[in-house]
N, C-alpha and C. Protein backbone atom coordinates (compact mmCIF):
# COMPACT_ATOMS: atom_id res chain seq x y z
N MET A 1 -10.14 16.18 26.61
CA MET A 1 -10.99 15.59 25.20
C MET A 1 -9.70 14.73 24.60
N SER A 2 -10.78 13.69 24.19
CA SER A 2 -9.73 12.55 23.54
C SER A 2 -9.94 12.75 21.90
N THR A 3 -9.06 12.41 21.18
CA THR A 3 -8.87 12.49 19.77
C THR A 3 -9.32 11.19 19.29
N ASP A 4 -9.18 10.37 19.84
CA ASP A 4 -9.47 8.73 19.68
C ASP A 4 -10.79 8.26 19.26
N ARG A 5 -11.05 7.80 17.93
CA ARG A 5 -12.42 7.72 17.43
C ARG A 5 -13.04 6.48 17.58
N THR A 6 -12.24 5.48 18.20
CA THR A 6 -12.75 3.95 18.02
C THR A 6 -13.63 3.83 19.36
N PRO A 7 -14.57 3.01 19.50
CA PRO A 7 -15.37 2.84 20.59
C PRO A 7 -14.49 2.22 21.56
N PRO A 8 -14.96 2.59 22.99
CA PRO A 8 -13.86 1.78 24.23
C PRO A 8 -14.28 0.24 23.86
N GLY A 9 -13.18 -0.52 24.36
CA GLY A 9 -13.19 -1.75 24.07
C GLY A 9 -13.17 -2.64 22.82
N SER A 10 -13.07 -1.41 21.75
CA SER A 10 -12.83 -2.54 20.59
C SER A 10 -11.40 -2.61 19.94
N PRO A 11 -11.03 -3.56 19.56
CA PRO A 11 -9.40 -4.10 19.49
C PRO A 11 -8.69 -2.65 18.66
N ARG A 12 -7.37 -2.73 18.69
CA ARG A 12 -6.46 -1.63 18.17
C ARG A 12 -5.41 -2.18 17.85
N GLN A 13 -4.65 -1.41 16.91
CA GLN A 13 -3.16 -1.66 16.62
C GLN A 13 -2.55 -1.22 17.96
N ARG A 14 -1.23 -2.19 18.33
CA ARG A 14 -0.83 -1.79 19.22
C ARG A 14 1.00 -1.48 18.69
N VAL A 15 1.45 -0.40 19.65
CA VAL A 15 2.91 0.14 19.00
C VAL A 15 3.65 -0.96 19.98
N VAL A 16 4.57 -1.83 19.39
CA VAL A 16 5.47 -2.66 19.88
C VAL A 16 7.04 -2.23 19.98
N ARG A 17 7.83 -2.29 21.13
CA ARG A 17 9.24 -1.93 20.56
C ARG A 17 9.74 -2.87 20.24
N VAL A 18 10.77 -2.93 19.05
CA VAL A 18 11.87 -3.68 18.93
C VAL A 18 13.06 -3.77 19.54
N PRO A 19 13.49 -4.71 19.98
CA PRO A 19 14.85 -4.65 20.84
C PRO A 19 16.00 -4.31 19.75
N GLY A 20 16.66 -3.49 20.01
CA GLY A 20 17.97 -3.09 19.11
C GLY A 20 17.68 -2.44 17.81
N SER A 21 16.46 -1.73 17.85
CA SER A 21 15.85 -1.15 16.81
C SER A 21 15.83 0.67 17.20
N ARG A 22 15.74 1.69 16.62
CA ARG A 22 15.16 2.88 16.73
C ARG A 22 13.92 2.98 16.76
N ARG A 23 13.50 1.80 15.71
CA ARG A 23 11.71 2.49 15.13
C ARG A 23 10.98 1.11 16.20
N ALA A 24 9.78 1.49 16.43
CA ALA A 24 8.84 0.80 16.95
C ALA A 24 8.08 0.13 15.59
N LYS A 25 7.38 -0.85 16.17
CA LYS A 25 6.25 -1.37 14.89
C LYS A 25 4.95 -1.51 15.59
N LEU A 26 4.07 -1.28 14.41
CA LEU A 26 2.61 -1.61 14.78
C LEU A 26 2.28 -3.08 14.87
N THR A 27 1.25 -3.59 15.27
CA THR A 27 0.53 -4.98 15.02
C THR A 27 -0.19 -4.60 14.62
N PRO A 28 -0.49 -5.73 13.22
CA PRO A 28 -1.68 -5.80 12.12
C PRO A 28 -3.13 -5.32 12.66
N ALA A 29 -3.56 -3.91 11.87
CA ALA A 29 -4.80 -4.22 12.40
C ALA A 29 -6.08 -4.83 12.57
N PRO A 30 -6.91 -4.93 13.45
CA PRO A 30 -7.73 -5.85 13.30
C PRO A 30 -8.64 -6.20 11.75
N GLY A 31 -8.87 -7.41 11.48
CA GLY A 31 -9.64 -7.65 10.30
C GLY A 31 -8.67 -7.53 9.19
N THR A 32 -7.18 -7.61 9.30
CA THR A 32 -6.87 -7.15 7.81
C THR A 32 -5.76 -8.61 8.06
N THR A 33 -5.12 -8.94 6.93
CA THR A 33 -4.24 -9.92 6.51
C THR A 33 -2.83 -9.51 6.09
N ASP A 34 -1.70 -10.27 5.79
CA ASP A 34 -0.45 -9.94 5.74
C ASP A 34 -0.30 -9.91 3.89
N GLU A 35 -1.54 -10.40 3.49
CA GLU A 35 -1.46 -10.70 1.87
C GLU A 35 -1.32 -9.31 1.44
N PRO A 36 -1.07 -8.97 0.13
CA PRO A 36 -1.28 -7.63 -0.36
C PRO A 36 -2.45 -7.70 -0.98
N ALA A 37 -3.26 -6.44 -1.46
CA ALA A 37 -4.56 -6.57 -2.13
C ALA A 37 -4.10 -7.00 -3.37
N GLY A 38 -4.79 -7.77 -3.97
CA GLY A 38 -5.21 -8.12 -5.38
C GLY A 38 -5.37 -7.07 -6.56
N ARG A 39 -4.77 -7.11 -7.41
CA ARG A 39 -5.04 -5.72 -8.25
C ARG A 39 -6.02 -6.83 -9.16
N ASP A 40 -7.27 -5.91 -9.75
CA ASP A 40 -8.24 -6.10 -10.71
C ASP A 40 -7.93 -6.13 -11.88
N ALA A 41 -8.35 -6.84 -12.91
CA ALA A 41 -7.64 -6.96 -14.42
C ALA A 41 -7.68 -5.63 -14.66
N GLU A 42 -6.93 -5.28 -15.39
CA GLU A 42 -7.05 -3.86 -15.86
C GLU A 42 -7.83 -3.73 -17.50
N ALA A 43 -8.91 -2.76 -17.36
CA ALA A 43 -9.53 -2.65 -18.45
C ALA A 43 -8.48 -2.28 -19.72
N PRO A 44 -8.95 -2.60 -21.02
CA PRO A 44 -7.97 -2.10 -22.24
C PRO A 44 -7.76 -0.71 -22.29
N ARG A 45 -6.80 -0.20 -22.35
CA ARG A 45 -6.69 1.00 -22.60
C ARG A 45 -6.85 1.65 -24.26
N PRO A 46 -7.31 2.85 -24.19
CA PRO A 46 -7.38 3.28 -25.78
C PRO A 46 -6.02 3.45 -26.30
N THR A 47 -5.83 3.02 -27.69
CA THR A 47 -4.47 3.14 -27.93
C THR A 47 -4.50 4.34 -29.37
N GLY A 48 -3.48 5.13 -29.38
CA GLY A 48 -3.45 6.26 -30.22
C GLY A 48 -2.44 5.30 -31.45
N PRO A 49 -2.32 6.68 -32.32
CA PRO A 49 -1.53 5.97 -33.58
C PRO A 49 0.08 6.04 -33.01
N ASN A 50 0.49 6.71 -32.26
CA ASN A 50 1.71 6.49 -31.73
C ASN A 50 2.33 5.66 -30.81
N ASP A 51 1.30 4.70 -30.18
CA ASP A 51 1.20 4.33 -28.68
C ASP A 51 2.51 3.20 -29.11
N GLU A 52 2.50 2.33 -30.11
CA GLU A 52 3.79 1.09 -30.22
C GLU A 52 5.04 1.63 -30.29
N ARG A 53 5.20 2.61 -31.01
CA ARG A 53 6.55 3.05 -31.33
C ARG A 53 6.84 3.71 -30.10
N MET A 54 6.10 4.74 -29.05
CA MET A 54 6.66 5.04 -28.07
C MET A 54 7.01 3.88 -26.85
N ARG A 55 6.19 2.70 -26.92
CA ARG A 55 6.72 1.63 -26.20
C ARG A 55 7.73 1.10 -26.59
N ARG A 56 8.28 0.91 -27.88
CA ARG A 56 9.20 0.64 -28.32
C ARG A 56 10.54 1.13 -28.46
N GLU A 57 10.46 2.39 -28.54
CA GLU A 57 11.77 3.03 -28.22
C GLU A 57 11.89 3.65 -26.76
N LYS A 58 13.19 3.64 -26.55
CA LYS A 58 13.75 3.89 -24.87
C LYS A 58 14.60 5.51 -25.14
N PRO A 59 14.22 6.36 -24.03
CA PRO A 59 14.72 7.60 -23.80
C PRO A 59 16.32 7.40 -24.00
N PRO A 60 17.26 8.57 -24.57
CA PRO A 60 18.67 8.41 -24.61
C PRO A 60 19.02 8.40 -23.17
N HIS A 61 18.80 8.46 -21.93
CA HIS A 61 19.45 8.20 -20.93
C HIS A 61 19.21 6.83 -20.29
N TYR A 62 18.42 5.98 -21.21
CA TYR A 62 18.77 4.49 -20.40
C TYR A 62 19.70 3.75 -21.25
């Protein structure tokens, strides 16, 4: 019984040996890029009466 859920013949990531390294490397997954995913503009957060003071003050261990 196979645990592979991809249809036969579909492109897959491969494990590639890196010379001189103890770890292997995966090839990029099909349909992906090296660019990180962009973050959406954050919605404004609700503010409370203390928020500005909390952002200004630093804890004693800093």
